[in-house]
N, C-alpha and C. Protein backbone atom coordinates (compact mmCIF):
# COMPACT_ATOMS: atom_id res chain seq x y z
N MET A 1 -137.96 124.11 -25.15
CA MET A 1 -137.05 123.82 -26.16
C MET A 1 -135.79 124.08 -26.50
N ILE A 2 -134.89 123.25 -27.40
CA ILE A 2 -134.10 122.96 -27.33
C ILE A 2 -133.36 124.15 -28.52
N ARG A 3 -132.17 125.03 -28.15
CA ARG A 3 -131.61 125.74 -29.34
C ARG A 3 -130.53 125.37 -29.44
N PHE A 4 -130.67 125.23 -31.14
CA PHE A 4 -128.62 124.64 -31.66
C PHE A 4 -128.32 125.75 -32.24
N CYS A 5 -127.09 125.42 -32.51
CA CYS A 5 -126.22 126.39 -33.77
C CYS A 5 -125.39 125.23 -34.12
N VAL A 6 -124.86 126.06 -35.47
CA VAL A 6 -124.30 125.32 -36.35
C VAL A 6 -122.48 125.79 -36.86
N VAL A 7 -121.86 125.69 -36.80
CA VAL A 7 -119.95 126.36 -37.61
C VAL A 7 -119.85 125.08 -38.42
N ASP A 8 -120.43 125.62 -39.65
CA ASP A 8 -119.36 124.74 -40.79
C ASP A 8 -119.56 125.58 -41.86
N ASP A 9 -118.54 125.72 -42.78
CA ASP A 9 -118.11 126.57 -43.80
C ASP A 9 -119.19 126.27 -45.24
N HIS A 10 -120.22 125.53 -44.78
CA HIS A 10 -120.98 125.74 -45.99
C HIS A 10 -122.45 125.57 -45.63
N GLU A 11 -122.66 127.18 -46.68
CA GLU A 11 -124.19 127.31 -46.33
C GLU A 11 -125.58 126.67 -46.33
N ILE A 12 -124.81 125.54 -47.24
CA ILE A 12 -126.07 124.88 -47.79
C ILE A 12 -126.31 123.80 -46.55
N VAL A 13 -125.22 124.05 -45.57
CA VAL A 13 -125.39 123.20 -44.44
C VAL A 13 -126.33 123.66 -43.41
N HIS A 14 -125.99 125.09 -43.12
CA HIS A 14 -127.14 126.04 -42.34
C HIS A 14 -128.67 125.91 -43.15
N ASP A 15 -128.52 126.00 -44.55
CA ASP A 15 -130.21 126.41 -44.96
C ASP A 15 -130.63 125.09 -44.68
N GLY A 16 -129.97 123.79 -44.85
CA GLY A 16 -130.50 122.37 -44.30
C GLY A 16 -131.04 121.89 -43.03
N LEU A 17 -130.05 123.26 -42.17
CA LEU A 17 -130.36 122.71 -40.45
C LEU A 17 -131.47 123.62 -40.06
N ARG A 18 -131.46 124.47 -40.71
CA ARG A 18 -132.89 125.89 -40.05
C ARG A 18 -134.09 124.79 -41.09
N ALA A 19 -133.84 124.58 -42.06
CA ALA A 19 -134.97 124.00 -42.46
C ALA A 19 -136.09 122.97 -42.15
N MET A 20 -135.15 121.85 -41.79
CA MET A 20 -135.14 121.05 -40.54
C MET A 20 -135.53 121.45 -39.40
N ALA A 21 -135.45 122.62 -38.66
CA ALA A 21 -135.80 122.81 -37.13
C ALA A 21 -137.10 123.46 -37.83
N ASP A 22 -137.00 124.16 -38.48
CA ASP A 22 -138.55 124.72 -38.68
C ASP A 22 -139.95 123.86 -39.14
N ARG A 23 -139.20 122.53 -39.01
CA ARG A 23 -140.56 121.09 -39.05
C ARG A 23 -140.61 120.62 -37.61
N GLU A 24 -139.62 121.09 -36.72
CA GLU A 24 -139.62 120.14 -35.32
C GLU A 24 -140.20 121.08 -34.14
N PRO A 25 -141.43 121.65 -33.95
CA PRO A 25 -141.85 122.60 -32.85
C PRO A 25 -141.01 122.52 -31.69
N ASP A 26 -139.76 121.73 -30.72
CA ASP A 26 -138.93 121.71 -29.74
C ASP A 26 -137.74 121.92 -30.44
N LEU A 27 -137.40 122.51 -31.66
CA LEU A 27 -136.33 122.86 -31.92
C LEU A 27 -136.14 123.92 -32.42
N GLU A 28 -135.22 124.75 -32.02
CA GLU A 28 -134.70 126.08 -32.46
C GLU A 28 -133.74 125.74 -33.21
N PHE A 29 -133.36 127.05 -34.56
CA PHE A 29 -131.94 127.41 -35.66
C PHE A 29 -131.68 128.21 -34.43
N ALA A 30 -130.78 128.72 -33.98
CA ALA A 30 -130.24 129.57 -33.33
C ALA A 30 -129.10 130.72 -34.11
N GLY A 31 -128.89 129.76 -35.04
CA GLY A 31 -127.72 131.14 -35.59
C GLY A 31 -126.53 129.91 -35.98
N SER A 32 -125.85 130.65 -36.96
CA SER A 32 -124.45 129.84 -37.45
C SER A 32 -123.03 130.89 -37.66
N ALA A 33 -122.23 130.25 -37.98
CA ALA A 33 -120.96 130.54 -38.71
C ALA A 33 -120.47 129.93 -39.59
N THR A 34 -119.40 130.21 -39.93
CA THR A 34 -118.69 129.76 -40.81
C THR A 34 -117.17 129.17 -41.04
N THR A 35 -116.83 130.03 -40.01
CA THR A 35 -115.15 129.98 -39.55
C THR A 35 -114.57 129.70 -38.04
N ALA A 36 -113.97 128.95 -37.85
CA ALA A 36 -113.70 128.73 -36.18
C ALA A 36 -113.38 130.34 -35.40
N GLY A 37 -112.91 131.31 -35.88
CA GLY A 37 -113.10 132.85 -35.34
C GLY A 37 -114.08 133.16 -35.07
N GLU A 38 -115.37 132.91 -35.44
CA GLU A 38 -116.41 133.21 -35.35
C GLU A 38 -117.56 132.30 -34.46
N ALA A 39 -116.88 131.44 -34.14
CA ALA A 39 -117.53 130.57 -33.25
C ALA A 39 -117.91 131.07 -31.80
N GLU A 40 -116.70 131.55 -30.83
CA GLU A 40 -117.07 131.88 -29.89
C GLU A 40 -118.07 132.74 -29.63
N GLY A 41 -117.74 134.21 -30.40
CA GLY A 41 -119.16 135.16 -30.75
C GLY A 41 -120.34 134.74 -30.77
N LEU A 42 -120.50 133.27 -31.60
CA LEU A 42 -122.11 133.12 -32.17
C LEU A 42 -122.66 132.17 -30.76
N VAL A 43 -121.62 132.10 -30.13
CA VAL A 43 -122.14 130.84 -28.77
C VAL A 43 -122.43 132.08 -27.11
N ALA A 44 -121.74 132.81 -27.32
CA ALA A 44 -121.43 133.85 -26.42
C ALA A 44 -123.26 134.56 -26.56
N GLY A 45 -123.39 135.07 -27.86
CA GLY A 45 -124.91 135.49 -28.58
C GLY A 45 -125.55 134.61 -28.19
N ALA A 46 -126.01 133.48 -28.92
CA ALA A 46 -127.28 133.01 -29.39
C ALA A 46 -127.11 132.31 -27.79
N ARG A 47 -126.24 131.63 -26.86
CA ARG A 47 -126.34 130.50 -25.70
C ARG A 47 -127.12 129.51 -26.07
N PRO A 48 -126.55 128.84 -27.26
CA PRO A 48 -126.91 127.40 -27.73
C PRO A 48 -127.17 126.28 -26.81
N ASP A 49 -128.12 125.25 -26.68
CA ASP A 49 -127.49 124.18 -26.09
C ASP A 49 -126.97 123.14 -26.43
N VAL A 50 -126.98 123.31 -27.54
CA VAL A 50 -125.91 122.35 -28.27
C VAL A 50 -125.46 122.91 -29.35
N LEU A 51 -124.21 122.88 -29.57
CA LEU A 51 -123.70 123.15 -30.75
C LEU A 51 -123.31 122.37 -31.84
N LEU A 52 -123.43 122.21 -33.45
CA LEU A 52 -122.46 121.37 -34.16
C LEU A 52 -121.72 122.12 -34.23
N LEU A 53 -120.44 121.52 -34.58
CA LEU A 53 -119.28 121.68 -34.79
C LEU A 53 -118.31 121.00 -36.39
N ASP A 54 -118.21 121.77 -37.02
CA ASP A 54 -117.36 120.82 -38.19
C ASP A 54 -116.20 120.52 -38.00
N MET A 55 -115.80 119.44 -38.46
CA MET A 55 -114.08 118.98 -38.37
C MET A 55 -113.51 119.62 -38.88
N ARG A 56 -113.60 120.51 -40.26
CA ARG A 56 -112.84 121.00 -40.92
C ARG A 56 -113.30 122.08 -40.99
N LEU A 57 -112.72 123.40 -40.51
CA LEU A 57 -112.78 125.24 -40.43
C LEU A 57 -111.62 125.84 -41.38
N ALA A 58 -111.71 126.80 -41.57
CA ALA A 58 -111.13 127.90 -42.43
C ALA A 58 -110.75 128.76 -40.93
N GLY A 59 -109.83 129.15 -40.62
CA GLY A 59 -109.49 130.40 -39.41
C GLY A 59 -109.16 129.78 -38.10
N GLY A 60 -108.86 128.36 -38.29
CA GLY A 60 -108.69 127.61 -37.29
C GLY A 60 -108.84 126.20 -37.10
N ASN A 61 -108.34 125.67 -36.29
CA ASN A 61 -108.18 124.52 -35.62
C ASN A 61 -109.59 123.93 -35.08
N SER A 62 -110.37 123.69 -35.81
CA SER A 62 -111.47 122.56 -34.72
C SER A 62 -111.47 121.86 -33.97
N THR A 63 -110.59 121.63 -33.19
CA THR A 63 -110.25 120.48 -32.15
C THR A 63 -109.87 121.67 -31.20
N ASP A 64 -108.60 122.49 -31.61
CA ASP A 64 -109.00 123.77 -30.63
C ASP A 64 -109.80 124.48 -30.43
N THR A 65 -110.54 124.77 -31.35
CA THR A 65 -111.88 125.12 -30.76
C THR A 65 -113.20 124.67 -30.03
N CYS A 66 -112.84 123.57 -30.11
CA CYS A 66 -113.89 122.88 -29.04
C CYS A 66 -113.18 122.58 -27.65
N ALA A 67 -112.12 122.81 -27.82
CA ALA A 67 -111.27 122.87 -26.21
C ALA A 67 -111.91 123.61 -26.03
N ALA A 68 -111.58 125.03 -26.52
CA ALA A 68 -111.51 126.51 -26.01
C ALA A 68 -113.37 126.82 -25.66
N LEU A 69 -114.28 126.33 -26.13
CA LEU A 69 -115.10 126.29 -25.88
C LEU A 69 -116.01 125.22 -25.06
N SER A 70 -115.13 124.29 -24.87
CA SER A 70 -115.90 123.50 -23.75
C SER A 70 -115.54 124.17 -22.73
N ALA A 71 -114.20 124.59 -22.50
CA ALA A 71 -113.96 125.51 -21.44
C ALA A 71 -114.50 126.75 -20.70
N ALA A 72 -114.91 127.20 -21.84
CA ALA A 72 -115.64 128.67 -21.79
C ALA A 72 -116.99 128.75 -21.35
N PHE A 73 -117.46 127.58 -21.75
CA PHE A 73 -119.30 127.21 -21.78
C PHE A 73 -119.35 125.67 -21.42
N ALA A 74 -119.50 125.47 -19.96
CA ALA A 74 -119.40 124.54 -19.10
C ALA A 74 -120.49 123.67 -19.56
N ASP A 75 -121.86 124.37 -19.86
CA ASP A 75 -123.25 123.35 -20.26
C ASP A 75 -123.46 123.62 -21.43
N LEU A 76 -122.88 123.91 -22.57
CA LEU A 76 -122.42 123.82 -23.98
C LEU A 76 -122.16 122.55 -24.33
N LYS A 77 -123.28 121.63 -24.97
CA LYS A 77 -122.50 120.47 -25.73
C LYS A 77 -122.29 120.70 -26.79
N ILE A 78 -121.34 120.13 -27.42
CA ILE A 78 -120.56 119.98 -28.57
C ILE A 78 -120.57 119.01 -29.63
N ALA A 79 -121.19 119.13 -30.47
CA ALA A 79 -120.89 117.90 -31.17
C ALA A 79 -120.14 118.17 -32.45
N VAL A 80 -119.24 117.09 -33.05
CA VAL A 80 -118.40 117.52 -33.69
C VAL A 80 -119.18 116.87 -35.15
N PHE A 81 -119.57 117.69 -35.84
CA PHE A 81 -120.17 117.47 -37.29
C PHE A 81 -119.39 117.04 -38.31
N SER A 82 -118.97 115.67 -38.71
CA SER A 82 -118.17 115.27 -39.52
C SER A 82 -118.62 114.79 -40.67
N GLY A 83 -117.44 114.56 -42.06
CA GLY A 83 -118.31 113.56 -42.87
C GLY A 83 -116.91 112.25 -42.66
N TYR A 84 -116.05 112.47 -41.67
CA TYR A 84 -114.93 111.26 -41.56
C TYR A 84 -115.53 110.37 -40.48
N GLY A 85 -115.52 109.40 -41.06
CA GLY A 85 -116.14 108.37 -39.62
C GLY A 85 -114.71 107.35 -39.15
N ASN A 86 -114.22 108.11 -38.52
CA ASN A 86 -112.33 107.63 -38.14
C ASN A 86 -112.44 107.89 -37.02
N PRO A 87 -112.03 106.47 -36.36
CA PRO A 87 -111.70 106.48 -34.95
C PRO A 87 -110.63 107.07 -34.06
N GLU A 88 -109.95 107.40 -34.68
CA GLU A 88 -108.70 108.63 -34.58
C GLU A 88 -109.04 110.14 -34.69
N LEU A 89 -110.09 110.78 -35.03
CA LEU A 89 -110.89 111.86 -35.36
C LEU A 89 -110.97 111.57 -33.86
N LEU A 90 -111.94 110.40 -33.52
CA LEU A 90 -113.16 110.96 -32.48
C LEU A 90 -112.62 110.62 -31.37
N GLU A 91 -111.15 110.00 -31.43
CA GLU A 91 -110.69 110.23 -30.15
C GLU A 91 -109.78 112.05 -29.92
N GLN A 92 -109.65 112.48 -31.09
CA GLN A 92 -109.38 114.10 -31.00
C GLN A 92 -110.24 114.96 -30.60
N ALA A 93 -111.58 114.45 -31.18
CA ALA A 93 -113.01 115.16 -30.35
C ALA A 93 -113.22 114.59 -29.08
N ILE A 94 -113.35 113.83 -28.47
CA ILE A 94 -113.39 113.49 -26.98
C ILE A 94 -112.35 113.96 -26.20
N ARG A 95 -110.97 113.89 -26.84
CA ARG A 95 -109.98 114.88 -25.71
C ARG A 95 -110.25 116.24 -25.75
N ALA A 96 -111.03 116.40 -26.71
CA ALA A 96 -110.70 118.49 -26.78
C ALA A 96 -112.09 118.52 -26.00
N GLY A 97 -112.82 117.63 -25.76
CA GLY A 97 -114.37 118.24 -25.10
C GLY A 97 -115.48 117.77 -25.54
N ALA A 98 -115.50 117.37 -26.68
CA ALA A 98 -117.28 117.14 -27.47
C ALA A 98 -117.92 116.05 -26.54
N ALA A 99 -119.01 116.42 -26.65
CA ALA A 99 -120.42 115.51 -26.64
C ALA A 99 -120.58 114.27 -27.10
N GLY A 100 -120.39 114.94 -28.24
CA GLY A 100 -120.76 113.79 -29.22
C GLY A 100 -119.84 114.01 -30.47
N TYR A 101 -120.46 113.17 -31.66
CA TYR A 101 -119.70 112.80 -32.70
C TYR A 101 -120.93 112.49 -34.02
N ILE A 102 -121.32 113.19 -34.86
CA ILE A 102 -122.11 113.24 -35.37
C ILE A 102 -121.22 112.63 -37.19
N LEU A 103 -122.30 111.63 -38.07
CA LEU A 103 -121.72 112.05 -39.43
C LEU A 103 -122.56 113.23 -39.95
N LYS A 104 -122.04 113.33 -40.96
CA LYS A 104 -122.69 114.11 -42.08
C LYS A 104 -123.97 113.36 -42.75
N GLU A 105 -123.92 111.74 -42.91
CA GLU A 105 -124.43 111.52 -43.72
C GLU A 105 -126.04 111.12 -42.69
N THR A 106 -125.97 111.26 -41.76
CA THR A 106 -126.91 111.29 -41.06
C THR A 106 -128.31 111.91 -41.46
N THR A 107 -129.70 111.20 -41.75
CA THR A 107 -130.42 111.61 -42.56
C THR A 107 -130.62 112.92 -41.54
N THR A 108 -131.97 113.96 -42.37
CA THR A 108 -132.64 115.00 -41.45
C THR A 108 -133.70 114.26 -40.86
N SER A 109 -134.35 112.90 -40.86
CA SER A 109 -135.05 112.01 -40.21
C SER A 109 -134.36 112.17 -39.04
N ARG A 110 -133.65 111.74 -39.11
CA ARG A 110 -132.58 111.09 -37.31
C ARG A 110 -132.16 112.36 -37.12
N LEU A 111 -131.38 113.02 -37.60
CA LEU A 111 -130.70 114.44 -37.08
C LEU A 111 -131.30 114.64 -36.12
N PRO A 112 -132.79 115.30 -35.88
CA PRO A 112 -133.62 115.98 -34.73
C PRO A 112 -133.62 115.02 -33.85
N ASP A 113 -133.60 113.63 -33.49
CA ASP A 113 -133.85 112.63 -31.94
C ASP A 113 -131.90 112.86 -31.89
N VAL A 114 -131.04 113.13 -32.66
CA VAL A 114 -129.78 113.22 -32.03
C VAL A 114 -129.48 114.27 -31.59
N ILE A 115 -129.90 115.43 -31.76
CA ILE A 115 -130.11 116.69 -31.26
C ILE A 115 -130.58 116.96 -29.85
N ARG A 116 -131.99 116.36 -30.03
CA ARG A 116 -132.17 116.09 -28.69
C ARG A 116 -131.54 115.09 -27.65
N GLU A 117 -130.88 113.76 -28.35
CA GLU A 117 -130.66 113.32 -27.30
C GLU A 117 -128.92 113.73 -26.30
N LEU A 118 -128.56 114.60 -27.30
CA LEU A 118 -127.44 115.44 -26.98
C LEU A 118 -127.88 116.23 -26.53
N ALA A 119 -128.97 117.05 -26.09
CA ALA A 119 -129.43 118.09 -24.92
C ALA A 119 -129.71 116.90 -23.67
N SER A 120 -130.98 116.26 -23.87
CA SER A 120 -131.38 115.35 -22.86
C SER A 120 -130.40 114.66 -21.77
N THR A 121 -129.43 113.97 -22.82
CA THR A 121 -128.37 112.92 -21.70
C THR A 121 -126.99 113.56 -21.79
N GLY A 122 -126.67 114.68 -22.19
CA GLY A 122 -125.29 115.09 -22.67
C GLY A 122 -124.53 114.56 -23.57
N SER A 123 -124.74 113.78 -24.20
CA SER A 123 -124.00 113.35 -25.31
C SER A 123 -124.72 112.05 -26.01
N TYR A 124 -123.98 111.71 -27.65
CA TYR A 124 -124.62 111.31 -28.84
C TYR A 124 -123.16 110.77 -29.27
N PHE A 125 -122.86 109.79 -29.61
CA PHE A 125 -121.75 109.15 -30.53
C PHE A 125 -122.53 108.12 -31.43
N ASP A 126 -122.32 108.33 -32.77
CA ASP A 126 -122.85 107.72 -33.72
C ASP A 126 -122.24 106.33 -33.68
N PRO A 127 -123.65 105.24 -33.91
CA PRO A 127 -123.03 104.27 -32.47
C PRO A 127 -121.80 102.82 -33.94
N ARG A 128 -121.61 103.62 -35.07
CA ARG A 128 -120.90 102.81 -35.62
C ARG A 128 -119.09 102.98 -35.70
N LEU A 129 -119.24 104.56 -35.31
CA LEU A 129 -117.74 104.98 -34.70
C LEU A 129 -117.81 104.32 -33.53
N ALA A 130 -118.52 104.67 -32.57
CA ALA A 130 -118.00 104.18 -31.15
C ALA A 130 -117.29 102.72 -31.36
N SER A 131 -118.08 101.52 -31.72
CA SER A 131 -117.79 100.39 -31.97
C SER A 131 -116.28 100.56 -32.64
N GLY A 132 -116.33 101.42 -33.40
CA GLY A 132 -114.83 101.29 -34.36
C GLY A 132 -113.99 101.82 -33.57
N LEU A 133 -114.22 102.58 -32.43
CA LEU A 133 -113.32 102.56 -31.02
C LEU A 133 -113.05 102.16 -30.50
N LEU A 134 -113.78 101.01 -29.71
CA LEU A 134 -113.82 99.62 -28.90
C LEU A 134 -112.72 98.53 -29.60
N ARG A 135 -113.21 98.92 -30.93
CA ARG A 135 -112.06 97.78 -32.04
C ARG A 135 -110.77 98.52 -32.15
N ARG A 136 -110.96 99.45 -32.58
CA ARG A 136 -109.62 100.19 -32.01
C ARG A 136 -108.66 99.92 -30.94
N LYS A 137 -109.22 99.92 -29.74
CA LYS A 137 -108.63 100.05 -28.16
C LYS A 137 -108.37 98.51 -27.99
N ALA A 138 -109.27 97.88 -28.27
CA ALA A 138 -109.03 96.42 -27.75
C ALA A 138 -107.84 95.35 -28.57
N SER A 139 -107.57 95.94 -29.80
CA SER A 139 -106.66 94.99 -31.22
C SER A 139 -105.42 96.29 -31.19
N ALA A 140 -105.47 96.99 -30.30
CA ALA A 140 -104.07 98.11 -30.78
C ALA A 140 -103.84 98.63 -31.87
N GLN A 141 -105.03 99.27 -32.68
CA GLN A 141 -104.87 99.49 -34.06
C GLN A 141 -103.73 100.06 -34.23
N GLN A 142 -102.94 99.35 -35.68
CA GLN A 142 -101.92 100.62 -35.90
C GLN A 142 -102.57 102.04 -36.29
N PRO A 143 -101.69 102.96 -36.80
CA PRO A 143 -101.70 104.29 -37.10
C PRO A 143 -102.81 104.63 -38.30
N ALA A 144 -103.31 105.75 -38.85
CA ALA A 144 -103.75 105.66 -39.76
C ALA A 144 -103.36 105.50 -41.03
N PHE A 145 -101.98 106.24 -40.93
CA PHE A 145 -101.02 105.44 -42.28
C PHE A 145 -99.53 105.05 -41.46
N ASN A 146 -99.39 104.55 -42.23
CA ASN A 146 -97.88 104.15 -42.42
C ASN A 146 -97.15 104.67 -42.77
N GLU A 147 -95.52 104.77 -42.34
CA GLU A 147 -94.30 105.26 -42.99
C GLU A 147 -94.83 105.96 -44.79
N ARG A 148 -94.93 104.59 -45.61
CA ARG A 148 -94.45 104.66 -46.69
C ARG A 148 -96.48 105.54 -47.27
N GLU A 149 -97.27 104.79 -46.59
CA GLU A 149 -98.52 105.34 -46.86
C GLU A 149 -98.45 106.82 -47.34
N LEU A 150 -98.09 107.28 -45.40
CA LEU A 150 -97.90 109.12 -45.25
C LEU A 150 -97.26 109.68 -46.48
N GLU A 151 -95.90 108.88 -46.94
CA GLU A 151 -95.31 109.70 -47.89
C GLU A 151 -95.85 109.83 -49.21
N ILE A 152 -96.69 108.45 -49.90
CA ILE A 152 -97.95 109.14 -50.60
C ILE A 152 -98.99 109.88 -50.41
N VAL A 153 -98.90 109.84 -49.40
CA VAL A 153 -100.40 110.49 -49.33
C VAL A 153 -99.59 112.26 -49.47
N ARG A 154 -98.17 112.82 -48.78
CA ARG A 154 -97.82 113.60 -49.34
C ARG A 154 -97.73 114.24 -50.24
N LEU A 155 -97.38 113.22 -51.05
CA LEU A 155 -97.30 113.39 -52.71
C LEU A 155 -98.77 113.83 -53.47
N ILE A 156 -99.54 113.18 -52.79
CA ILE A 156 -100.70 113.14 -53.84
C ILE A 156 -101.20 114.92 -53.05
N ALA A 157 -101.15 115.01 -52.27
CA ALA A 157 -101.20 116.66 -52.13
C ALA A 157 -100.64 117.82 -52.70
N ARG A 158 -99.35 117.06 -53.43
CA ARG A 158 -98.81 117.84 -54.11
C ARG A 158 -99.71 117.87 -55.67
N GLY A 159 -100.17 117.28 -55.82
CA GLY A 159 -100.56 117.13 -56.86
C GLY A 159 -100.08 115.72 -58.01
N LEU A 160 -98.94 114.95 -57.71
CA LEU A 160 -98.10 114.13 -58.27
C LEU A 160 -99.76 112.86 -58.29
N ASP A 161 -99.64 112.58 -60.59
CA ASP A 161 -99.68 111.23 -60.12
C ASP A 161 -99.17 109.84 -59.79
N ASN A 162 -99.63 109.24 -60.15
CA ASN A 162 -99.26 107.81 -59.12
C ASN A 162 -97.59 107.03 -60.42
N HIS A 163 -97.49 107.99 -61.70
CA HIS A 163 -96.12 107.94 -62.21
C HIS A 163 -95.39 108.30 -61.02
N ALA A 164 -95.83 109.28 -61.25
CA ALA A 164 -94.63 110.74 -60.53
C ALA A 164 -94.37 110.36 -59.39
N ILE A 165 -95.39 109.57 -58.54
CA ILE A 165 -95.41 108.99 -56.84
C ILE A 165 -94.42 108.07 -57.10
N GLY A 166 -94.56 107.50 -57.68
CA GLY A 166 -93.81 106.32 -58.33
C GLY A 166 -91.97 106.72 -58.23
N GLU A 167 -91.85 107.20 -59.13
CA GLU A 167 -90.85 107.95 -59.25
C GLU A 167 -89.63 108.29 -58.59
N GLN A 168 -90.14 109.30 -57.25
CA GLN A 168 -90.23 110.11 -56.03
C GLN A 168 -89.85 108.65 -54.69
N VAL A 169 -90.51 107.66 -54.95
CA VAL A 169 -90.43 106.67 -53.83
C VAL A 169 -89.83 105.47 -54.64
N CYS A 170 -89.37 105.40 -55.44
CA CYS A 170 -88.63 104.13 -56.03
C CYS A 170 -89.50 103.00 -56.08
N ILE A 171 -90.62 102.84 -56.25
CA ILE A 171 -91.52 102.14 -56.34
C ILE A 171 -92.26 102.29 -57.63
N SER A 172 -93.17 100.93 -58.57
CA SER A 172 -94.05 100.95 -59.38
C SER A 172 -94.72 102.34 -59.44
N PRO A 173 -95.44 102.35 -60.81
CA PRO A 173 -97.46 102.98 -60.55
C PRO A 173 -98.30 101.94 -60.02
N HIS A 174 -97.96 100.62 -60.20
CA HIS A 174 -99.21 99.58 -60.03
C HIS A 174 -99.19 99.59 -58.07
N THR A 175 -97.92 99.51 -57.79
CA THR A 175 -97.68 99.77 -56.30
C THR A 175 -97.94 100.73 -55.87
N VAL A 176 -97.88 102.13 -56.06
CA VAL A 176 -98.58 103.34 -55.87
C VAL A 176 -100.16 102.63 -55.54
N LYS A 177 -100.46 102.11 -56.80
CA LYS A 177 -102.07 102.21 -57.05
C LYS A 177 -102.58 101.41 -56.25
N PHE A 178 -101.88 100.52 -55.66
CA PHE A 178 -102.25 99.31 -54.81
C PHE A 178 -102.17 100.03 -53.50
N HIS A 179 -101.12 100.78 -52.93
CA HIS A 179 -101.39 101.59 -51.81
C HIS A 179 -102.39 102.18 -51.48
N VAL A 180 -102.78 103.04 -52.58
CA VAL A 180 -103.86 103.96 -52.59
C VAL A 180 -105.06 103.27 -52.36
N THR A 181 -105.22 102.13 -53.32
CA THR A 181 -106.32 101.58 -53.23
C THR A 181 -106.91 100.91 -51.69
N ALA A 182 -105.96 100.75 -51.08
CA ALA A 182 -105.70 99.89 -49.48
C ALA A 182 -106.23 100.99 -48.49
N MET A 183 -105.57 102.32 -48.62
CA MET A 183 -105.75 103.29 -47.59
C MET A 183 -107.40 103.76 -48.17
N LEU A 184 -108.16 103.53 -49.10
CA LEU A 184 -109.55 104.28 -49.58
C LEU A 184 -110.48 103.19 -48.75
N ARG A 185 -110.30 102.15 -48.93
CA ARG A 185 -110.40 101.06 -48.39
C ARG A 185 -110.69 100.83 -47.33
N ARG A 186 -109.74 100.67 -46.26
CA ARG A 186 -109.41 101.16 -45.20
C ARG A 186 -110.31 102.28 -44.16
N HIS A 187 -110.21 103.46 -44.74
CA HIS A 187 -110.47 104.57 -44.17
C HIS A 187 -112.32 104.23 -44.78
N THR A 188 -112.65 104.05 -45.88
CA THR A 188 -114.52 103.77 -46.15
C THR A 188 -114.08 105.33 -47.20
N LEU A 189 -113.41 105.34 -47.54
CA LEU A 189 -113.32 106.68 -48.94
C LEU A 189 -113.50 106.94 -50.12
N SER A 190 -113.74 107.48 -51.04
CA SER A 190 -113.46 107.04 -52.52
C SER A 190 -112.86 107.63 -53.64
N ARG A 191 -112.22 109.00 -53.06
CA ARG A 191 -111.37 109.77 -53.71
C ARG A 191 -109.91 109.98 -52.71
N ARG A 192 -108.93 110.09 -53.99
CA ARG A 192 -107.38 110.64 -53.58
C ARG A 192 -108.04 111.51 -52.64
N ALA A 193 -108.23 112.77 -52.88
CA ALA A 193 -108.39 113.75 -52.00
C ALA A 193 -108.45 113.79 -50.70
N GLU A 194 -109.35 113.38 -50.57
CA GLU A 194 -110.38 112.31 -49.35
C GLU A 194 -109.00 112.23 -48.39
N LEU A 195 -108.14 111.49 -49.03
CA LEU A 195 -107.14 110.92 -48.16
C LEU A 195 -105.97 111.88 -48.02
N VAL A 196 -105.93 113.21 -48.38
CA VAL A 196 -105.08 113.69 -48.00
C VAL A 196 -105.51 114.94 -46.90
N ARG A 197 -107.12 115.21 -47.30
CA ARG A 197 -108.17 115.64 -46.40
C ARG A 197 -108.07 115.33 -44.59
N LEU A 198 -107.94 114.25 -45.06
CA LEU A 198 -108.35 113.09 -43.34
C LEU A 198 -106.69 113.20 -42.81
N ALA A 199 -105.26 113.14 -43.70
CA ALA A 199 -104.13 113.35 -42.99
C ALA A 199 -104.19 114.58 -42.56
N MET A 200 -104.98 115.80 -42.71
CA MET A 200 -104.84 117.64 -42.57
C MET A 200 -105.69 117.08 -41.54
N ASP A 201 -106.47 116.48 -41.02
CA ASP A 201 -107.43 116.35 -39.92
C ASP A 201 -106.71 115.71 -38.94
N LEU A 202 -105.68 114.60 -39.22
CA LEU A 202 -105.20 114.15 -38.12
C LEU A 202 -103.47 114.72 -37.92
N HIS A 203 -103.42 116.00 -38.61
CA HIS A 203 -102.58 116.98 -38.01
C HIS A 203 -101.49 115.66 -38.36
N LEU A 204 -101.09 115.33 -39.55
CA LEU A 204 -99.97 114.77 -39.94
C LEU A 204 -99.46 114.91 -41.15
N ILE A 205 -100.24 116.03 -42.31
CA ILE A 205 -99.45 117.03 -43.28
C ILE A 205 -100.03 118.12 -42.73
N ASP A 206 -98.97 118.98 -43.39
CA ASP A 206 -99.63 120.24 -43.08
C ASP A 206 -100.43 120.79 -44.15
N GLU A 207 -101.46 121.66 -43.54
CA GLU A 207 -102.51 122.61 -44.67
C GLU A 207 -101.60 123.08 -46.02
N THR A 208 -100.72 123.65 -45.62
CA THR A 208 -99.87 125.05 -46.52
C THR A 208 -98.95 123.69 -47.19
N ARG A 209 -98.82 122.79 -47.25
CA ARG A 209 -98.13 121.69 -48.00
C ARG A 209 -96.79 121.99 -48.63
């Protein structure tokens, strides 16, 4: 029996994983938490084989949480559970001791096999991300945001529209839109708010702004 837990601030994620485990005779949903602060207590009490850890959590930094849990529980297989398929986030997770990186778009029919692979082989990284990481290393890819783009993302985080952003950085609203569209396309995102969340995950802008 493979025991797994999840740390995610969305109860619907907990419910979905619990329902999935109920359909799999060799998987046991051993518990859940919603904040980084609850993660260590959850793992200490439930002693899961696998932990799914959301990249963004209230009450603490997920990367720090991953590193602390990896150090405290040597046999635990931690997989970052994220909606963002960004090679930089993958690198952060690996440096923090993560044994895997699972995209939240992974289907519930595929997820049981992913958990089994984590438990049996000790690792699982979404193939799309793994190939992206290799391309990044091979081509010495530029940072997620250049200086101008990061300036625009900071202003988006403050709630400014394209016209106001253009006034702040002395470019036209059309040019602002061009930069935003380019960033969304490059990071395979669909909304401006997701650019802000990505920059926060990469610790490029402060959560408090």
